[in-house]
């Protein structure tokens, strides 16, 4: 029950932050997708069962198994603060990426996995991450 309250509070704080920043509707969609695909502040992550559950729960196993995904285990304020660091070059050559050190679980699909029963292996660690931002909102996990 307490965990549900924490999640509700985090969601309300994220929505308040969106209201204060006044992003465009396209930015909001990209930010919401980023949150769905990459943010899990209530867990330490870690093993294959975590990846299998989260990839399914977050709808990344249909219509095909997403090959690689990373979940960040930090609160949304820490993640958003990366957007205020010095910009670096993204993999696509644009200069809207920013980096920081975060707790992350990397999920990689195992050979022979077939949607929707995708199976993943996990690597959990604290590491450098690169995140693309659009007007101070994280919108893409770049690595």
N, C-alpha and C. Protein backbone atom coordinates (compact mmCIF):
# COMPACT_ATOMS: atom_id res chain seq x y z
N UNK A 1 0.82 -1.19 0.00
CA UNK A 1 0.00 0.00 0.00
C UNK A 1 0.87 1.26 0.00
N UNK A 2 1.93 1.25 0.81
CA UNK A 2 2.82 2.41 0.87
C UNK A 2 3.51 2.64 -0.47
N UNK A 3 3.86 1.55 -1.17
CA UNK A 3 4.53 1.66 -2.47
C UNK A 3 3.61 2.35 -3.48
N UNK A 4 2.31 2.04 -3.45
CA UNK A 4 1.35 2.67 -4.34
C UNK A 4 1.29 4.17 -4.08
N UNK A 5 1.33 4.56 -2.80
CA UNK A 5 1.33 5.97 -2.44
C UNK A 5 2.55 6.70 -2.96
N UNK A 6 3.71 6.04 -2.88
CA UNK A 6 4.95 6.63 -3.39
C UNK A 6 4.85 6.82 -4.89
N UNK A 7 4.35 5.81 -5.60
CA UNK A 7 4.21 5.91 -7.06
C UNK A 7 3.27 7.04 -7.44
N UNK A 8 2.16 7.16 -6.72
CA UNK A 8 1.20 8.23 -6.98
C UNK A 8 1.85 9.59 -6.76
N UNK A 9 2.60 9.72 -5.67
CA UNK A 9 3.30 10.97 -5.38
C UNK A 9 4.30 11.31 -6.48
N UNK A 10 5.08 10.31 -6.94
CA UNK A 10 6.05 10.55 -8.01
C UNK A 10 5.36 10.99 -9.29
N UNK A 11 4.23 10.37 -9.61
CA UNK A 11 3.49 10.75 -10.81
C UNK A 11 2.98 12.19 -10.69
N UNK A 12 2.43 12.54 -9.53
CA UNK A 12 1.94 13.90 -9.33
C UNK A 12 3.07 14.93 -9.43
N UNK A 13 4.23 14.60 -8.87
CA UNK A 13 5.37 15.51 -8.96
C UNK A 13 5.83 15.67 -10.40
N UNK A 14 5.85 14.56 -11.16
CA UNK A 14 6.24 14.65 -12.57
C UNK A 14 5.25 15.51 -13.35
N UNK A 15 3.96 15.34 -13.09
CA UNK A 15 2.96 16.15 -13.77
C UNK A 15 3.07 17.62 -13.39
N UNK A 16 3.35 17.89 -12.13
CA UNK A 16 3.56 19.27 -11.69
C UNK A 16 4.74 19.87 -12.42
N UNK A 17 5.82 19.09 -12.56
CA UNK A 17 6.99 19.56 -13.30
C UNK A 17 6.65 19.88 -14.75
N UNK A 18 5.82 19.03 -15.38
CA UNK A 18 5.40 19.30 -16.75
C UNK A 18 4.59 20.59 -16.84
N UNK A 19 3.72 20.81 -15.86
CA UNK A 19 2.90 22.01 -15.85
C UNK A 19 3.77 23.25 -15.70
N UNK A 20 4.80 23.18 -14.87
CA UNK A 20 5.68 24.32 -14.65
C UNK A 20 6.52 24.63 -15.88
N UNK A 21 6.97 23.60 -16.60
CA UNK A 21 7.83 23.79 -17.76
C UNK A 21 7.03 24.21 -18.99
N UNK A 22 5.76 23.83 -19.11
CA UNK A 22 4.89 24.15 -20.23
C UNK A 22 5.46 23.65 -21.57
N UNK A 23 5.79 22.36 -21.68
CA UNK A 23 6.31 21.84 -22.94
C UNK A 23 5.21 21.69 -23.99
N UNK A 24 5.61 21.53 -25.25
CA UNK A 24 4.65 21.30 -26.32
C UNK A 24 4.07 19.89 -26.17
N UNK A 25 2.98 19.62 -26.87
CA UNK A 25 2.35 18.30 -26.77
C UNK A 25 3.28 17.20 -27.30
N UNK A 26 4.08 17.51 -28.33
CA UNK A 26 5.04 16.52 -28.84
C UNK A 26 6.10 16.19 -27.81
N UNK A 27 6.57 17.20 -27.10
CA UNK A 27 7.56 16.97 -26.05
C UNK A 27 6.96 16.13 -24.93
N UNK A 28 5.72 16.41 -24.57
CA UNK A 28 5.07 15.66 -23.50
C UNK A 28 4.96 14.19 -23.88
N UNK A 29 4.57 13.91 -25.12
CA UNK A 29 4.46 12.50 -25.57
C UNK A 29 5.82 11.81 -25.52
N UNK A 30 6.85 12.48 -26.00
CA UNK A 30 8.18 11.87 -25.99
C UNK A 30 8.68 11.68 -24.56
N UNK A 31 8.40 12.62 -23.68
CA UNK A 31 8.77 12.51 -22.27
C UNK A 31 8.02 11.35 -21.61
N UNK A 32 6.72 11.25 -21.87
CA UNK A 32 5.93 10.15 -21.30
C UNK A 32 6.43 8.80 -21.80
N UNK A 33 6.79 8.72 -23.07
CA UNK A 33 7.33 7.48 -23.61
C UNK A 33 8.67 7.15 -22.95
N UNK A 34 9.51 8.16 -22.75
CA UNK A 34 10.79 7.97 -22.06
C UNK A 34 10.55 7.41 -20.66
N UNK A 35 9.59 8.01 -19.92
CA UNK A 35 9.28 7.53 -18.57
C UNK A 35 8.81 6.08 -18.61
N UNK A 36 7.91 5.75 -19.54
CA UNK A 36 7.38 4.38 -19.63
C UNK A 36 8.48 3.37 -19.96
N UNK A 37 9.34 3.74 -20.88
CA UNK A 37 10.35 2.78 -21.34
C UNK A 37 11.58 2.69 -20.45
N UNK A 38 11.90 3.75 -19.70
CA UNK A 38 13.23 3.76 -19.07
C UNK A 38 13.29 4.10 -17.59
N UNK A 39 12.20 4.47 -16.96
CA UNK A 39 12.30 4.94 -15.58
C UNK A 39 11.56 4.00 -14.63
N UNK A 40 12.27 3.52 -13.61
CA UNK A 40 11.69 2.69 -12.55
C UNK A 40 12.38 3.03 -11.23
N UNK A 41 11.97 4.14 -10.61
CA UNK A 41 12.66 4.61 -9.40
C UNK A 41 12.36 3.77 -8.16
N UNK A 42 11.35 2.91 -8.21
CA UNK A 42 10.94 2.17 -7.01
C UNK A 42 11.65 0.83 -6.87
N UNK A 43 12.57 0.52 -7.77
CA UNK A 43 13.23 -0.79 -7.75
C UNK A 43 14.74 -0.63 -7.91
N UNK A 44 15.45 -1.64 -7.48
CA UNK A 44 16.89 -1.71 -7.74
C UNK A 44 17.15 -2.53 -9.00
N UNK A 45 16.09 -3.17 -9.54
CA UNK A 45 16.24 -3.97 -10.76
C UNK A 45 17.07 -5.19 -10.51
N UNK A 46 17.79 -5.61 -11.51
CA UNK A 46 18.79 -6.61 -11.28
C UNK A 46 18.82 -7.87 -12.11
N UNK A 47 17.81 -8.73 -12.04
CA UNK A 47 17.97 -10.05 -12.64
C UNK A 47 17.06 -10.24 -13.85
N UNK A 48 17.18 -11.42 -14.46
CA UNK A 48 16.41 -11.72 -15.67
C UNK A 48 14.91 -11.66 -15.42
N UNK A 49 14.45 -12.12 -14.26
CA UNK A 49 13.00 -12.08 -14.01
C UNK A 49 12.50 -10.64 -13.95
N UNK A 50 13.33 -9.73 -13.42
CA UNK A 50 12.97 -8.31 -13.42
C UNK A 50 12.79 -7.83 -14.87
N UNK A 51 13.77 -8.11 -15.72
CA UNK A 51 13.68 -7.68 -17.13
C UNK A 51 12.48 -8.30 -17.82
N UNK A 52 12.27 -9.60 -17.63
CA UNK A 52 11.14 -10.27 -18.27
C UNK A 52 9.82 -9.62 -17.87
N UNK A 53 9.65 -9.35 -16.58
CA UNK A 53 8.43 -8.71 -16.08
C UNK A 53 8.26 -7.29 -16.60
N UNK A 54 9.30 -6.49 -16.45
CA UNK A 54 9.19 -5.07 -16.80
C UNK A 54 9.03 -4.86 -18.31
N UNK A 55 9.73 -5.62 -19.11
CA UNK A 55 9.60 -5.46 -20.56
C UNK A 55 8.18 -5.80 -21.00
N UNK A 56 7.59 -6.82 -20.39
CA UNK A 56 6.20 -7.18 -20.70
C UNK A 56 5.24 -6.11 -20.16
N UNK A 57 5.42 -5.73 -18.90
CA UNK A 57 4.55 -4.74 -18.25
C UNK A 57 4.55 -3.40 -18.98
N UNK A 58 5.72 -3.01 -19.46
CA UNK A 58 5.86 -1.71 -20.13
C UNK A 58 5.61 -1.80 -21.64
N UNK A 59 5.07 -2.92 -22.10
CA UNK A 59 4.63 -3.13 -23.49
C UNK A 59 5.77 -3.04 -24.51
N UNK A 60 6.89 -3.69 -24.20
CA UNK A 60 8.01 -3.70 -25.14
C UNK A 60 8.29 -5.10 -25.67
N UNK A 61 7.27 -5.97 -25.61
CA UNK A 61 7.41 -7.33 -26.13
C UNK A 61 6.43 -7.61 -27.27
N UNK A 62 5.66 -6.60 -27.67
CA UNK A 62 4.68 -6.74 -28.74
C UNK A 62 4.79 -5.52 -29.64
N UNK A 63 4.80 -5.61 -30.94
CA UNK A 63 4.58 -6.81 -31.74
C UNK A 63 5.81 -7.70 -31.87
N UNK A 64 6.96 -7.21 -31.39
CA UNK A 64 8.19 -8.04 -31.39
C UNK A 64 8.97 -7.71 -30.13
N UNK A 65 9.93 -8.54 -29.82
CA UNK A 65 10.76 -8.34 -28.63
C UNK A 65 11.71 -7.16 -28.88
N UNK A 66 11.66 -6.14 -28.04
CA UNK A 66 12.62 -5.05 -28.14
C UNK A 66 13.98 -5.64 -27.77
N UNK A 67 14.99 -5.49 -28.63
CA UNK A 67 16.27 -6.17 -28.40
C UNK A 67 17.01 -5.72 -27.15
N UNK A 68 17.02 -4.41 -26.88
CA UNK A 68 17.78 -3.87 -25.75
C UNK A 68 16.98 -2.75 -25.13
N UNK A 69 16.95 -2.69 -23.81
CA UNK A 69 16.32 -1.58 -23.11
C UNK A 69 17.00 -1.41 -21.76
N UNK A 70 17.06 -0.17 -21.30
CA UNK A 70 17.67 0.13 -20.00
C UNK A 70 16.64 0.82 -19.12
N UNK A 71 16.60 0.38 -17.84
CA UNK A 71 15.75 0.99 -16.84
C UNK A 71 16.63 1.74 -15.84
N UNK A 72 16.28 3.01 -15.60
CA UNK A 72 17.03 3.84 -14.67
C UNK A 72 16.34 3.78 -13.31
N UNK A 73 17.11 3.50 -12.27
CA UNK A 73 16.58 3.38 -10.92
C UNK A 73 16.97 4.59 -10.07
N UNK A 74 16.49 5.74 -10.51
CA UNK A 74 16.72 7.00 -9.81
C UNK A 74 15.41 7.75 -9.80
N UNK A 75 15.27 8.71 -8.88
CA UNK A 75 14.03 9.48 -8.89
C UNK A 75 14.02 10.43 -10.08
N UNK A 76 12.83 10.82 -10.48
CA UNK A 76 12.67 11.61 -11.69
C UNK A 76 13.41 12.94 -11.62
N UNK A 77 13.57 13.51 -10.44
CA UNK A 77 14.29 14.79 -10.31
C UNK A 77 15.76 14.62 -10.66
N UNK A 78 16.38 13.50 -10.23
CA UNK A 78 17.78 13.23 -10.60
C UNK A 78 17.91 13.04 -12.10
N UNK A 79 16.97 12.33 -12.68
CA UNK A 79 17.03 12.08 -14.13
C UNK A 79 16.85 13.39 -14.88
N UNK A 80 15.84 14.18 -14.51
CA UNK A 80 15.61 15.46 -15.19
C UNK A 80 16.80 16.40 -15.05
N UNK A 81 17.51 16.33 -13.93
CA UNK A 81 18.64 17.24 -13.71
C UNK A 81 19.78 17.01 -14.70
N UNK A 82 19.86 15.83 -15.29
CA UNK A 82 20.89 15.56 -16.30
C UNK A 82 20.75 16.55 -17.46
N UNK A 83 19.52 16.95 -17.76
CA UNK A 83 19.28 17.86 -18.87
C UNK A 83 19.90 19.24 -18.65
N UNK A 84 20.34 19.52 -17.45
CA UNK A 84 20.94 20.82 -17.14
C UNK A 84 22.47 20.76 -17.10
N UNK A 85 23.04 19.62 -17.50
CA UNK A 85 24.49 19.50 -17.59
C UNK A 85 24.94 19.92 -18.99
N UNK A 86 26.23 20.00 -19.20
CA UNK A 86 26.78 20.40 -20.49
C UNK A 86 26.38 19.39 -21.56
N UNK A 87 25.96 19.90 -22.72
CA UNK A 87 25.55 19.04 -23.82
C UNK A 87 26.72 18.31 -24.45
N UNK A 88 26.46 17.08 -24.87
CA UNK A 88 27.45 16.27 -25.59
C UNK A 88 26.79 15.75 -26.87
N UNK A 89 27.61 15.20 -27.75
CA UNK A 89 27.11 14.68 -29.01
C UNK A 89 26.40 13.34 -28.79
N UNK A 90 25.19 13.22 -29.35
CA UNK A 90 24.43 11.97 -29.32
C UNK A 90 24.95 11.03 -30.41
N UNK A 91 24.50 9.80 -30.39
CA UNK A 91 24.89 8.82 -31.41
C UNK A 91 24.46 9.27 -32.80
N UNK A 92 23.37 10.06 -32.89
CA UNK A 92 22.89 10.53 -34.20
C UNK A 92 23.59 11.81 -34.66
N UNK A 93 24.56 12.28 -33.87
CA UNK A 93 25.33 13.46 -34.24
C UNK A 93 24.79 14.77 -33.68
N UNK A 94 23.57 14.79 -33.17
CA UNK A 94 23.03 16.01 -32.59
C UNK A 94 23.69 16.29 -31.25
N UNK A 95 23.62 17.53 -30.81
CA UNK A 95 24.30 17.95 -29.58
C UNK A 95 23.33 18.13 -28.40
N UNK A 96 22.24 17.37 -28.37
CA UNK A 96 21.27 17.54 -27.29
C UNK A 96 21.33 16.42 -26.24
N UNK A 97 22.42 15.68 -26.20
CA UNK A 97 22.58 14.65 -25.17
C UNK A 97 23.32 15.22 -23.97
N UNK A 98 23.09 14.60 -22.85
CA UNK A 98 23.70 15.00 -21.58
C UNK A 98 24.04 13.71 -20.85
N UNK A 99 25.06 13.77 -19.99
CA UNK A 99 25.45 12.52 -19.32
C UNK A 99 25.49 12.68 -17.82
N UNK A 100 25.37 11.55 -17.17
CA UNK A 100 25.44 11.48 -15.72
C UNK A 100 25.70 10.05 -15.30
N UNK A 101 25.78 9.84 -14.01
CA UNK A 101 25.99 8.49 -13.47
C UNK A 101 24.71 8.08 -12.76
N UNK A 102 24.17 6.93 -13.16
CA UNK A 102 22.89 6.46 -12.63
C UNK A 102 22.92 4.95 -12.36
N UNK A 103 22.00 4.52 -11.47
CA UNK A 103 21.78 3.08 -11.27
C UNK A 103 20.88 2.60 -12.40
N UNK A 104 21.34 1.57 -13.12
CA UNK A 104 20.65 1.13 -14.33
C UNK A 104 20.60 -0.39 -14.38
N UNK A 105 19.50 -0.92 -14.92
CA UNK A 105 19.44 -2.33 -15.31
C UNK A 105 19.31 -2.37 -16.82
N UNK A 106 20.28 -3.00 -17.48
CA UNK A 106 20.24 -3.19 -18.93
C UNK A 106 19.64 -4.56 -19.21
N UNK A 107 18.63 -4.59 -20.08
CA UNK A 107 17.94 -5.83 -20.46
C UNK A 107 18.24 -6.12 -21.93
N UNK A 108 18.72 -7.34 -22.20
CA UNK A 108 19.02 -7.76 -23.58
C UNK A 108 18.26 -9.05 -23.87
N UNK A 109 17.57 -9.07 -25.01
CA UNK A 109 16.78 -10.23 -25.37
C UNK A 109 17.71 -11.43 -25.60
N UNK A 110 17.27 -12.61 -25.19
CA UNK A 110 18.05 -13.82 -25.40
C UNK A 110 17.70 -14.42 -26.76
N UNK A 111 18.63 -15.15 -27.34
CA UNK A 111 18.40 -15.78 -28.63
C UNK A 111 17.22 -16.74 -28.57
N UNK A 112 16.44 -16.76 -29.63
CA UNK A 112 15.30 -17.66 -29.71
C UNK A 112 14.03 -17.14 -29.06
N UNK A 113 14.06 -15.94 -28.48
CA UNK A 113 12.84 -15.37 -27.89
C UNK A 113 11.87 -14.99 -28.98
N UNK A 114 10.60 -15.30 -28.76
CA UNK A 114 9.55 -14.97 -29.72
C UNK A 114 8.44 -14.21 -28.99
N UNK A 115 8.02 -13.12 -29.60
CA UNK A 115 6.96 -12.29 -29.03
C UNK A 115 5.67 -13.10 -28.92
N UNK A 116 4.90 -12.94 -27.90
CA UNK A 116 5.05 -12.02 -26.77
C UNK A 116 5.83 -12.62 -25.60
N UNK A 117 6.33 -13.84 -25.75
CA UNK A 117 7.05 -14.52 -24.65
C UNK A 117 8.55 -14.24 -24.73
N UNK A 118 8.90 -12.98 -24.75
CA UNK A 118 10.30 -12.57 -24.84
C UNK A 118 11.02 -12.88 -23.53
N UNK A 119 12.27 -13.28 -23.64
CA UNK A 119 13.10 -13.57 -22.47
C UNK A 119 14.35 -12.70 -22.56
N UNK A 120 14.75 -12.18 -21.39
CA UNK A 120 15.86 -11.23 -21.32
C UNK A 120 16.90 -11.66 -20.31
N UNK A 121 18.13 -11.23 -20.54
CA UNK A 121 19.17 -11.34 -19.52
C UNK A 121 19.43 -9.92 -19.02
N UNK A 122 19.91 -9.83 -17.80
CA UNK A 122 20.02 -8.51 -17.16
C UNK A 122 21.44 -8.24 -16.67
N UNK A 123 21.79 -6.97 -16.69
CA UNK A 123 23.01 -6.48 -16.08
C UNK A 123 22.64 -5.23 -15.28
N UNK A 124 22.82 -5.31 -13.96
CA UNK A 124 22.48 -4.16 -13.10
C UNK A 124 23.77 -3.56 -12.55
N UNK A 125 23.91 -2.25 -12.70
CA UNK A 125 25.10 -1.57 -12.21
C UNK A 125 24.90 -0.07 -12.21
N UNK A 126 25.79 0.62 -11.56
CA UNK A 126 25.84 2.07 -11.62
C UNK A 126 26.82 2.42 -12.73
N UNK A 127 26.38 3.26 -13.68
CA UNK A 127 27.23 3.55 -14.84
C UNK A 127 26.90 4.91 -15.43
N UNK A 128 27.77 5.34 -16.36
CA UNK A 128 27.50 6.56 -17.12
C UNK A 128 26.33 6.30 -18.07
N UNK A 129 25.45 7.26 -18.19
CA UNK A 129 24.36 7.20 -19.16
C UNK A 129 24.37 8.48 -19.98
N UNK A 130 23.85 8.39 -21.18
CA UNK A 130 23.65 9.56 -22.04
C UNK A 130 22.16 9.63 -22.36
N UNK A 131 21.59 10.80 -22.15
CA UNK A 131 20.17 11.01 -22.35
C UNK A 131 19.98 12.25 -23.22
N UNK A 132 19.15 12.11 -24.27
CA UNK A 132 18.82 13.27 -25.10
C UNK A 132 17.68 14.03 -24.45
N UNK A 133 17.79 15.34 -24.46
CA UNK A 133 16.79 16.21 -23.84
C UNK A 133 16.23 17.18 -24.87
N UNK A 134 14.99 17.55 -24.65
CA UNK A 134 14.32 18.55 -25.47
C UNK A 134 13.71 19.56 -24.52
N UNK A 135 14.23 20.78 -24.52
CA UNK A 135 13.77 21.83 -23.61
C UNK A 135 13.73 21.36 -22.16
N UNK A 136 14.84 20.82 -21.70
CA UNK A 136 15.02 20.40 -20.30
C UNK A 136 14.21 19.17 -19.89
N UNK A 137 13.67 18.44 -20.85
CA UNK A 137 12.97 17.19 -20.53
C UNK A 137 13.71 16.02 -21.19
N UNK A 138 13.97 14.94 -20.45
CA UNK A 138 14.59 13.76 -21.07
C UNK A 138 13.60 13.09 -22.03
N UNK A 139 14.05 12.82 -23.26
CA UNK A 139 13.15 12.26 -24.25
C UNK A 139 13.70 11.01 -24.94
N UNK A 140 14.98 10.69 -24.70
CA UNK A 140 15.58 9.52 -25.37
C UNK A 140 16.77 9.02 -24.58
N UNK A 141 16.81 7.71 -24.34
CA UNK A 141 17.97 7.09 -23.70
C UNK A 141 18.95 6.76 -24.80
N UNK A 142 20.10 7.43 -24.81
CA UNK A 142 21.07 7.28 -25.90
C UNK A 142 22.17 6.28 -25.59
N UNK A 143 22.28 5.87 -24.36
CA UNK A 143 23.30 4.87 -24.05
C UNK A 143 23.91 5.04 -22.69
